[in-house]
């Protein structure tokens, strides 16, 4: 099973076996990293930007998938990466976990805004994610702080698509 969602990845890989569901479960960053390593996927168009990568809780801390997303980033020509202070096992939640995506927080700083501040400190132009929830939360954090001109949340698959010789979104002429 190929999944784009770390939450689904975790559930299918670690919880379904308890009920007889034994599947090979692969997150899309693992799949892309394998294709890149085998030379089956070639990224040639440069993306001349500085990116920081946000480790999602369920991909990183829960399942220790840290290297594959970084390999995907490293394979994109022109893309430079800088780590946030809190990364890998010490990463900081995007704020979607525990239903916070749908909650109005009244005390303190919203989690997604705190994580946005951490990304901003790196000087990166983009925050890369490999989770649809993280993408939404970080994108909202950027908008809530009025940082759309200086910082963008982007899924790693979008960056791969931009770096393909002929991007899928390029209109036929």
N, C-alpha and C. Protein backbone atom coordinates (compact mmCIF):
# COMPACT_ATOMS: atom_id res chain seq x y z
N UNK A 1 0.86 -1.16 0.00
CA UNK A 1 0.00 0.00 0.00
C UNK A 1 0.90 1.23 0.00
N UNK A 2 0.69 2.11 -0.94
CA UNK A 2 1.43 3.36 -1.04
C UNK A 2 0.55 4.46 -0.47
N UNK A 3 1.08 5.21 0.49
CA UNK A 3 0.29 6.25 1.11
C UNK A 3 1.02 7.59 1.13
N UNK A 4 0.25 8.66 1.04
CA UNK A 4 0.80 10.01 1.14
C UNK A 4 0.62 10.56 2.54
N UNK A 5 -0.10 9.87 3.38
CA UNK A 5 -0.44 10.35 4.72
C UNK A 5 0.31 9.57 5.79
N UNK A 6 1.15 10.22 6.59
CA UNK A 6 1.85 9.53 7.66
C UNK A 6 0.92 8.88 8.69
N UNK A 7 -0.26 9.48 8.92
CA UNK A 7 -1.20 8.90 9.86
C UNK A 7 -1.72 7.57 9.32
N UNK A 8 -2.07 7.53 8.03
CA UNK A 8 -2.51 6.28 7.40
C UNK A 8 -1.37 5.27 7.37
N UNK A 9 -0.17 5.74 7.04
CA UNK A 9 1.01 4.88 7.04
C UNK A 9 1.15 4.19 8.39
N UNK A 10 1.08 4.95 9.46
CA UNK A 10 1.23 4.40 10.80
C UNK A 10 0.12 3.40 11.13
N UNK A 11 -1.11 3.76 10.82
CA UNK A 11 -2.25 2.89 11.14
C UNK A 11 -2.18 1.58 10.36
N UNK A 12 -1.96 1.68 9.04
CA UNK A 12 -1.92 0.48 8.21
C UNK A 12 -0.73 -0.42 8.57
N UNK A 13 0.40 0.19 8.87
CA UNK A 13 1.62 -0.56 9.15
C UNK A 13 1.63 -1.16 10.56
N UNK A 14 1.17 -0.39 11.54
CA UNK A 14 1.35 -0.80 12.94
C UNK A 14 0.10 -1.25 13.66
N UNK A 15 -1.07 -0.86 13.18
CA UNK A 15 -2.29 -1.21 13.89
C UNK A 15 -3.12 -2.27 13.17
N UNK A 16 -3.17 -2.24 11.85
CA UNK A 16 -3.94 -3.24 11.11
C UNK A 16 -3.47 -4.67 11.36
N UNK A 17 -2.17 -4.92 11.54
CA UNK A 17 -1.75 -6.29 11.82
C UNK A 17 -2.41 -6.90 13.06
N UNK A 18 -2.81 -6.07 14.01
CA UNK A 18 -3.49 -6.57 15.21
C UNK A 18 -4.85 -7.18 14.87
N UNK A 19 -5.36 -6.82 13.68
CA UNK A 19 -6.66 -7.32 13.25
C UNK A 19 -6.55 -8.21 12.02
N UNK A 20 -5.34 -8.71 11.76
CA UNK A 20 -5.13 -9.62 10.65
C UNK A 20 -4.70 -8.97 9.35
N UNK A 21 -4.63 -7.68 9.31
CA UNK A 21 -4.23 -6.97 8.09
C UNK A 21 -2.72 -6.81 8.03
N UNK A 22 -2.08 -7.68 7.31
CA UNK A 22 -0.62 -7.64 7.20
C UNK A 22 -0.26 -7.21 5.78
N UNK A 23 0.17 -5.97 5.65
CA UNK A 23 0.46 -5.39 4.34
C UNK A 23 1.86 -4.81 4.32
N UNK A 24 2.40 -4.72 3.12
CA UNK A 24 3.61 -3.93 2.95
C UNK A 24 3.11 -2.50 2.75
N UNK A 25 3.53 -1.61 3.63
CA UNK A 25 3.06 -0.23 3.59
C UNK A 25 4.27 0.67 3.34
N UNK A 26 4.14 1.55 2.35
CA UNK A 26 5.24 2.42 1.94
C UNK A 26 4.73 3.85 1.89
N UNK A 27 5.47 4.75 2.52
CA UNK A 27 5.14 6.18 2.40
C UNK A 27 5.72 6.66 1.07
N UNK A 28 5.08 7.64 0.46
CA UNK A 28 5.51 8.06 -0.87
C UNK A 28 6.95 8.57 -0.89
N UNK A 29 7.45 9.13 0.21
CA UNK A 29 8.84 9.60 0.21
C UNK A 29 9.81 8.42 0.15
N UNK A 30 9.43 7.30 0.74
CA UNK A 30 10.26 6.09 0.64
C UNK A 30 10.27 5.58 -0.79
N UNK A 31 9.11 5.61 -1.42
CA UNK A 31 8.98 5.17 -2.81
C UNK A 31 9.79 6.06 -3.75
N UNK A 32 9.66 7.38 -3.58
CA UNK A 32 10.41 8.31 -4.43
C UNK A 32 11.92 8.17 -4.21
N UNK A 33 12.34 8.03 -2.96
CA UNK A 33 13.77 7.87 -2.67
C UNK A 33 14.31 6.60 -3.33
N UNK A 34 13.52 5.54 -3.33
CA UNK A 34 13.94 4.29 -3.98
C UNK A 34 14.04 4.47 -5.49
N UNK A 35 13.06 5.12 -6.10
CA UNK A 35 13.10 5.38 -7.54
C UNK A 35 14.31 6.23 -7.91
N UNK A 36 14.61 7.24 -7.10
CA UNK A 36 15.77 8.09 -7.34
C UNK A 36 17.06 7.30 -7.23
N UNK A 37 17.15 6.48 -6.19
CA UNK A 37 18.35 5.67 -5.98
C UNK A 37 18.58 4.68 -7.12
N UNK A 38 17.51 4.14 -7.66
CA UNK A 38 17.61 3.18 -8.76
C UNK A 38 17.78 3.86 -10.12
N UNK A 39 17.72 5.17 -10.15
CA UNK A 39 17.85 5.90 -11.41
C UNK A 39 16.61 5.86 -12.28
N UNK A 40 15.49 5.43 -11.72
CA UNK A 40 14.24 5.34 -12.48
C UNK A 40 13.49 6.67 -12.51
N UNK A 41 13.90 7.58 -11.66
CA UNK A 41 13.30 8.91 -11.61
C UNK A 41 14.44 9.91 -11.70
N UNK A 42 14.37 10.77 -12.71
CA UNK A 42 15.43 11.74 -12.93
C UNK A 42 14.88 13.15 -12.76
N UNK A 43 15.51 13.88 -11.86
CA UNK A 43 15.11 15.25 -11.60
C UNK A 43 16.16 16.16 -12.21
N UNK A 44 15.74 17.01 -13.14
CA UNK A 44 16.71 17.81 -13.90
C UNK A 44 16.46 19.31 -13.83
N UNK A 45 15.24 19.72 -13.60
CA UNK A 45 14.95 21.16 -13.56
C UNK A 45 15.28 21.70 -12.17
N UNK A 46 16.13 22.72 -12.11
CA UNK A 46 16.51 23.26 -10.80
C UNK A 46 15.37 24.00 -10.11
N UNK A 47 15.36 23.87 -8.80
CA UNK A 47 14.47 24.64 -7.94
C UNK A 47 15.42 25.43 -7.03
N UNK A 48 15.76 26.63 -7.44
CA UNK A 48 16.76 27.44 -6.74
C UNK A 48 16.15 28.15 -5.54
N UNK A 49 15.99 27.39 -4.47
CA UNK A 49 15.37 27.91 -3.24
C UNK A 49 16.09 27.31 -2.04
N UNK A 50 15.84 27.92 -0.89
CA UNK A 50 16.31 27.40 0.39
C UNK A 50 15.09 26.82 1.11
N UNK A 51 15.21 25.57 1.54
CA UNK A 51 14.09 24.87 2.16
C UNK A 51 14.50 24.35 3.53
N UNK A 52 13.53 24.29 4.42
CA UNK A 52 13.68 23.57 5.67
C UNK A 52 12.62 22.48 5.65
N UNK A 53 12.92 21.34 6.27
CA UNK A 53 11.99 20.22 6.23
C UNK A 53 11.38 20.01 7.61
N UNK A 54 10.06 19.86 7.65
CA UNK A 54 9.32 19.59 8.87
C UNK A 54 9.07 18.09 8.98
N UNK A 55 9.65 17.46 10.00
CA UNK A 55 9.40 16.03 10.25
C UNK A 55 8.03 15.86 10.88
N UNK A 56 7.14 15.17 10.20
CA UNK A 56 5.81 14.93 10.77
C UNK A 56 5.92 13.91 11.90
N UNK A 57 5.04 14.03 12.87
CA UNK A 57 5.08 13.15 14.04
C UNK A 57 4.96 11.68 13.67
N UNK A 58 4.00 11.36 12.81
CA UNK A 58 3.74 9.95 12.52
C UNK A 58 4.70 9.35 11.50
N UNK A 59 5.35 10.15 10.73
CA UNK A 59 6.36 9.61 9.82
C UNK A 59 7.70 9.53 10.55
N UNK A 60 8.03 10.57 11.28
CA UNK A 60 9.31 10.65 11.97
C UNK A 60 9.32 9.93 13.30
N UNK A 61 8.84 10.59 14.33
CA UNK A 61 8.95 10.02 15.69
C UNK A 61 8.29 8.66 15.81
N UNK A 62 7.14 8.46 15.23
CA UNK A 62 6.42 7.19 15.40
C UNK A 62 7.00 6.06 14.56
N UNK A 63 7.60 6.38 13.40
CA UNK A 63 8.06 5.33 12.50
C UNK A 63 9.51 5.48 12.04
N UNK A 64 10.19 6.49 12.55
CA UNK A 64 11.61 6.70 12.29
C UNK A 64 11.97 6.81 10.80
N UNK A 65 11.07 7.42 10.03
CA UNK A 65 11.36 7.68 8.62
C UNK A 65 11.90 9.11 8.56
N UNK A 66 13.22 9.22 8.54
CA UNK A 66 13.88 10.52 8.53
C UNK A 66 14.70 10.75 7.27
N UNK A 67 15.36 9.70 6.79
CA UNK A 67 16.32 9.87 5.70
C UNK A 67 15.68 10.01 4.34
N UNK A 68 14.63 9.24 4.05
CA UNK A 68 14.04 9.25 2.71
C UNK A 68 13.54 10.63 2.29
N UNK A 69 12.80 11.36 3.14
CA UNK A 69 12.38 12.70 2.71
C UNK A 69 13.58 13.60 2.42
N UNK A 70 14.63 13.48 3.20
CA UNK A 70 15.82 14.29 2.99
C UNK A 70 16.55 13.88 1.71
N UNK A 71 16.53 12.61 1.38
CA UNK A 71 17.13 12.15 0.12
C UNK A 71 16.38 12.74 -1.08
N UNK A 72 15.07 12.82 -0.96
CA UNK A 72 14.27 13.42 -2.03
C UNK A 72 14.67 14.89 -2.19
N UNK A 73 14.77 15.61 -1.10
CA UNK A 73 15.16 17.02 -1.15
C UNK A 73 16.55 17.16 -1.77
N UNK A 74 17.48 16.33 -1.34
CA UNK A 74 18.86 16.41 -1.85
C UNK A 74 18.97 16.09 -3.33
N UNK A 75 18.01 15.35 -3.87
CA UNK A 75 18.04 14.97 -5.28
C UNK A 75 17.55 16.07 -6.21
N UNK A 76 16.96 17.11 -5.66
CA UNK A 76 16.39 18.18 -6.48
C UNK A 76 17.48 19.21 -6.77
N UNK A 77 17.85 19.37 -8.04
CA UNK A 77 18.91 20.33 -8.38
C UNK A 77 18.56 21.74 -7.93
N UNK A 78 19.56 22.42 -7.38
CA UNK A 78 19.39 23.81 -6.97
C UNK A 78 18.78 24.01 -5.60
N UNK A 79 18.11 22.99 -5.08
CA UNK A 79 17.43 23.12 -3.79
C UNK A 79 18.46 22.93 -2.67
N UNK A 80 18.52 23.90 -1.79
CA UNK A 80 19.43 23.84 -0.64
C UNK A 80 18.58 23.67 0.61
N UNK A 81 19.11 22.86 1.54
CA UNK A 81 18.34 22.57 2.75
C UNK A 81 19.05 23.06 3.99
N UNK A 82 18.25 23.59 4.90
CA UNK A 82 18.73 23.97 6.22
C UNK A 82 17.77 23.33 7.24
N UNK A 83 18.33 22.75 8.29
CA UNK A 83 17.49 22.09 9.30
C UNK A 83 16.98 23.10 10.32
N UNK A 84 15.76 22.88 10.77
CA UNK A 84 15.26 23.63 11.91
C UNK A 84 15.96 23.10 13.16
N UNK A 85 16.00 23.92 14.19
CA UNK A 85 16.64 23.49 15.43
C UNK A 85 15.99 22.21 15.95
N UNK A 86 14.67 22.14 15.88
CA UNK A 86 13.95 20.95 16.34
C UNK A 86 13.63 20.11 15.11
N UNK A 87 14.40 19.03 14.92
CA UNK A 87 14.19 18.15 13.77
C UNK A 87 14.35 16.70 14.19
N UNK A 88 13.99 15.82 13.28
CA UNK A 88 14.06 14.37 13.49
C UNK A 88 13.31 13.99 14.78
N UNK A 89 13.95 13.25 15.66
CA UNK A 89 13.28 12.75 16.87
C UNK A 89 12.83 13.91 17.78
N UNK A 90 13.48 15.06 17.66
CA UNK A 90 13.15 16.23 18.47
C UNK A 90 12.23 17.21 17.74
N UNK A 91 11.64 16.77 16.65
CA UNK A 91 10.78 17.65 15.87
C UNK A 91 9.62 18.17 16.71
N UNK A 92 8.97 19.18 16.21
CA UNK A 92 7.89 19.86 16.91
C UNK A 92 6.62 19.64 16.11
N UNK A 93 5.55 19.31 16.79
CA UNK A 93 4.27 19.03 16.13
C UNK A 93 3.79 20.23 15.30
N UNK A 94 3.10 19.95 14.21
CA UNK A 94 2.53 21.01 13.38
C UNK A 94 1.27 21.59 14.00
N UNK A 95 0.67 20.84 14.92
CA UNK A 95 -0.55 21.31 15.57
C UNK A 95 -1.80 20.56 15.17
N UNK A 96 -1.73 19.70 14.16
CA UNK A 96 -2.93 18.98 13.71
C UNK A 96 -3.26 17.80 14.62
N UNK A 97 -2.26 17.24 15.27
CA UNK A 97 -2.47 16.08 16.12
C UNK A 97 -3.43 16.37 17.26
N UNK A 98 -4.12 15.35 17.69
CA UNK A 98 -5.04 15.51 18.81
C UNK A 98 -6.25 16.38 18.48
N UNK A 99 -6.55 16.54 17.20
CA UNK A 99 -7.72 17.30 16.79
C UNK A 99 -7.52 18.81 16.83
N UNK A 100 -6.31 19.27 17.05
CA UNK A 100 -6.06 20.71 17.14
C UNK A 100 -6.30 21.44 15.82
N UNK A 101 -6.38 20.69 14.74
CA UNK A 101 -6.66 21.31 13.45
C UNK A 101 -8.03 21.99 13.47
N UNK A 102 -8.94 21.42 14.26
CA UNK A 102 -10.31 21.93 14.28
C UNK A 102 -10.63 22.73 15.54
N UNK A 103 -9.64 22.93 16.40
CA UNK A 103 -9.88 23.65 17.66
C UNK A 103 -9.44 25.11 17.55
N UNK A 104 -10.14 25.95 18.27
CA UNK A 104 -9.72 27.34 18.42
C UNK A 104 -8.96 27.40 19.74
N UNK A 105 -7.67 27.64 19.66
CA UNK A 105 -6.87 27.73 20.88
C UNK A 105 -6.95 29.16 21.40
N UNK A 106 -7.24 29.28 22.66
CA UNK A 106 -7.44 30.60 23.26
C UNK A 106 -6.26 31.02 24.14
N UNK A 107 -5.47 30.07 24.61
CA UNK A 107 -4.35 30.38 25.50
C UNK A 107 -3.03 30.21 24.77
N UNK A 108 -2.13 31.13 24.96
CA UNK A 108 -0.80 31.00 24.40
C UNK A 108 -0.76 31.09 22.89
N UNK A 109 0.32 30.59 22.32
CA UNK A 109 0.54 30.61 20.88
C UNK A 109 0.03 29.32 20.26
N UNK A 110 -0.65 29.43 19.14
CA UNK A 110 -1.09 28.23 18.43
C UNK A 110 0.14 27.42 18.03
N UNK A 111 0.03 26.11 18.08
CA UNK A 111 1.17 25.24 17.80
C UNK A 111 1.70 25.46 16.39
N UNK A 112 0.81 25.60 15.42
CA UNK A 112 1.27 25.78 14.04
C UNK A 112 2.01 27.11 13.87
N UNK A 113 1.62 28.12 14.63
CA UNK A 113 2.32 29.40 14.56
C UNK A 113 3.70 29.30 15.20
N UNK A 114 3.80 28.53 16.29
CA UNK A 114 5.11 28.33 16.92
C UNK A 114 6.05 27.59 15.97
N UNK A 115 5.52 26.58 15.28
CA UNK A 115 6.36 25.83 14.33
C UNK A 115 6.73 26.72 13.14
N UNK A 116 5.82 27.55 12.70
CA UNK A 116 6.11 28.50 11.63
C UNK A 116 7.25 29.43 12.04
N UNK A 117 7.22 29.90 13.28
CA UNK A 117 8.31 30.75 13.79
C UNK A 117 9.65 30.01 13.75
N UNK A 118 9.63 28.73 14.10
CA UNK A 118 10.86 27.93 14.06
C UNK A 118 11.39 27.81 12.65
N UNK A 119 10.50 27.63 11.69
CA UNK A 119 10.92 27.55 10.28
C UNK A 119 11.45 28.90 9.81
N UNK A 120 10.80 29.95 10.21
CA UNK A 120 11.21 31.30 9.81
C UNK A 120 12.64 31.62 10.28
N UNK A 121 13.00 31.14 11.46
CA UNK A 121 14.34 31.40 12.02
C UNK A 121 15.46 30.81 11.15
N UNK A 122 15.15 29.86 10.30
CA UNK A 122 16.18 29.23 9.46
C UNK A 122 16.56 30.11 8.27
N UNK A 123 15.70 31.06 7.92
CA UNK A 123 15.92 31.87 6.74
C UNK A 123 15.44 31.21 5.46
N UNK A 124 14.83 30.03 5.58
CA UNK A 124 14.34 29.30 4.40
C UNK A 124 13.18 30.04 3.74
N UNK A 125 13.03 29.79 2.44
CA UNK A 125 11.92 30.36 1.68
C UNK A 125 10.72 29.42 1.64
N UNK A 126 11.00 28.13 1.95
CA UNK A 126 9.95 27.12 1.91
C UNK A 126 10.08 26.19 3.12
N UNK A 127 8.93 25.69 3.56
CA UNK A 127 8.89 24.63 4.57
C UNK A 127 8.36 23.40 3.85
N UNK A 128 9.19 22.38 3.71
CA UNK A 128 8.78 21.16 3.04
C UNK A 128 8.09 20.22 4.01
N UNK A 129 7.04 19.57 3.53
CA UNK A 129 6.31 18.60 4.34
C UNK A 129 6.10 17.33 3.52
N UNK A 130 5.75 16.26 4.22
CA UNK A 130 5.40 15.00 3.57
C UNK A 130 4.12 14.48 4.20
N UNK A 131 3.23 15.41 4.56
CA UNK A 131 1.98 15.07 5.24
C UNK A 131 0.93 16.12 4.89
N UNK A 132 -0.25 15.71 4.46
CA UNK A 132 -1.28 16.69 4.11
C UNK A 132 -1.75 17.52 5.31
N UNK A 133 -1.75 16.95 6.51
CA UNK A 133 -2.14 17.71 7.69
C UNK A 133 -1.09 18.77 8.02
N UNK A 134 0.18 18.38 7.96
CA UNK A 134 1.26 19.33 8.23
C UNK A 134 1.24 20.46 7.19
N UNK A 135 1.00 20.10 5.94
CA UNK A 135 0.95 21.10 4.87
C UNK A 135 -0.12 22.15 5.17
N UNK A 136 -1.30 21.69 5.57
CA UNK A 136 -2.39 22.60 5.91
C UNK A 136 -2.05 23.45 7.13
N UNK A 137 -1.56 22.82 8.17
CA UNK A 137 -1.29 23.54 9.41
C UNK A 137 -0.18 24.57 9.23
N UNK A 138 0.89 24.19 8.55
CA UNK A 138 1.99 25.13 8.34
C UNK A 138 1.57 26.24 7.37
N UNK A 139 0.82 25.89 6.35
CA UNK A 139 0.29 26.91 5.44
C UNK A 139 -0.60 27.90 6.17
N UNK A 140 -1.44 27.39 7.07
CA UNK A 140 -2.29 28.28 7.87
C UNK A 140 -1.45 29.14 8.81
N UNK A 141 -0.42 28.55 9.41
CA UNK A 141 0.46 29.32 10.29
C UNK A 141 1.13 30.47 9.56
N UNK A 142 1.55 30.19 8.34
CA UNK A 142 2.18 31.22 7.51
C UNK A 142 1.19 32.34 7.21
N UNK A 143 -0.04 31.97 6.83
CA UNK A 143 -1.08 32.97 6.52
C UNK A 143 -1.47 33.76 7.76
N UNK A 144 -1.66 33.07 8.88
CA UNK A 144 -2.07 33.73 10.12
C UNK A 144 -1.04 34.75 10.58
N UNK A 145 0.23 34.51 10.26
CA UNK A 145 1.30 35.43 10.65
C UNK A 145 1.62 36.44 9.55
N UNK A 146 0.90 36.35 8.41
CA UNK A 146 1.11 37.30 7.32
C UNK A 146 2.46 37.16 6.64
N UNK A 147 2.94 35.93 6.51
CA UNK A 147 4.29 35.68 5.96
C UNK A 147 4.28 35.12 4.54
N UNK A 148 3.14 35.23 3.84
CA UNK A 148 3.03 34.61 2.51
C UNK A 148 4.08 35.10 1.53
N UNK A 149 4.59 36.30 1.71
CA UNK A 149 5.59 36.85 0.79
C UNK A 149 6.99 36.29 1.03
N UNK A 150 7.24 35.76 2.23
CA UNK A 150 8.60 35.31 2.55
C UNK A 150 8.73 33.82 2.82
N UNK A 151 7.61 33.11 3.03
CA UNK A 151 7.68 31.69 3.38
C UNK A 151 6.49 30.96 2.77
N UNK A 152 6.75 29.77 2.27
CA UNK A 152 5.70 28.96 1.63
C UNK A 152 5.78 27.53 2.13
N UNK A 153 4.65 26.94 2.47
CA UNK A 153 4.59 25.51 2.81
C UNK A 153 4.37 24.76 1.50
N UNK A 154 5.13 23.66 1.32
CA UNK A 154 5.04 22.90 0.08
C UNK A 154 5.27 21.41 0.37
N UNK A 155 4.52 20.58 -0.31
CA UNK A 155 4.70 19.14 -0.17
C UNK A 155 5.89 18.71 -1.03
N UNK A 156 6.65 17.74 -0.55
CA UNK A 156 7.83 17.28 -1.30
C UNK A 156 7.46 16.76 -2.68
N UNK A 157 6.29 16.16 -2.82
CA UNK A 157 5.86 15.67 -4.14
C UNK A 157 5.71 16.82 -5.13
N UNK A 158 5.28 17.99 -4.66
CA UNK A 158 5.17 19.16 -5.53
C UNK A 158 6.55 19.58 -6.03
N UNK A 159 7.53 19.52 -5.16
CA UNK A 159 8.90 19.89 -5.55
C UNK A 159 9.46 18.90 -6.57
N UNK A 160 9.18 17.62 -6.37
CA UNK A 160 9.62 16.61 -7.33
C UNK A 160 8.99 16.89 -8.69
N UNK A 161 7.71 17.18 -8.70
CA UNK A 161 7.02 17.47 -9.95
C UNK A 161 7.64 18.69 -10.65
N UNK A 162 7.98 19.71 -9.90
CA UNK A 162 8.59 20.91 -10.48
C UNK A 162 9.95 20.62 -11.08
N UNK A 163 10.64 19.61 -10.55
CA UNK A 163 11.99 19.31 -10.99
C UNK A 163 12.05 18.28 -12.12
N UNK A 164 10.92 17.70 -12.48
CA UNK A 164 10.89 16.77 -13.61
C UNK A 164 11.25 17.52 -14.89
N UNK A 165 11.85 16.81 -15.84
CA UNK A 165 12.25 17.46 -17.10
C UNK A 165 11.05 18.15 -17.74
N UNK A 166 9.93 17.47 -17.77
CA UNK A 166 8.69 18.06 -18.29
C UNK A 166 7.66 17.94 -17.17
N UNK A 167 7.47 19.01 -16.39
CA UNK A 167 6.50 18.94 -15.28
C UNK A 167 5.12 18.52 -15.77
N UNK A 168 4.43 17.78 -14.94
CA UNK A 168 3.09 17.30 -15.29
C UNK A 168 2.11 18.44 -15.47
N UNK A 169 2.35 19.56 -14.80
CA UNK A 169 1.41 20.68 -14.86
C UNK A 169 1.70 21.61 -16.03
N UNK A 170 2.78 21.38 -16.76
CA UNK A 170 3.11 22.24 -17.87
C UNK A 170 2.07 22.04 -18.99
N UNK A 171 1.51 23.13 -19.42
CA UNK A 171 0.48 23.04 -20.45
C UNK A 171 1.11 22.62 -21.77
N UNK A 172 0.38 21.81 -22.52
CA UNK A 172 0.85 21.40 -23.85
C UNK A 172 0.71 22.57 -24.80
N UNK A 173 1.73 22.75 -25.59
CA UNK A 173 1.73 23.89 -26.52
C UNK A 173 1.39 23.44 -27.91
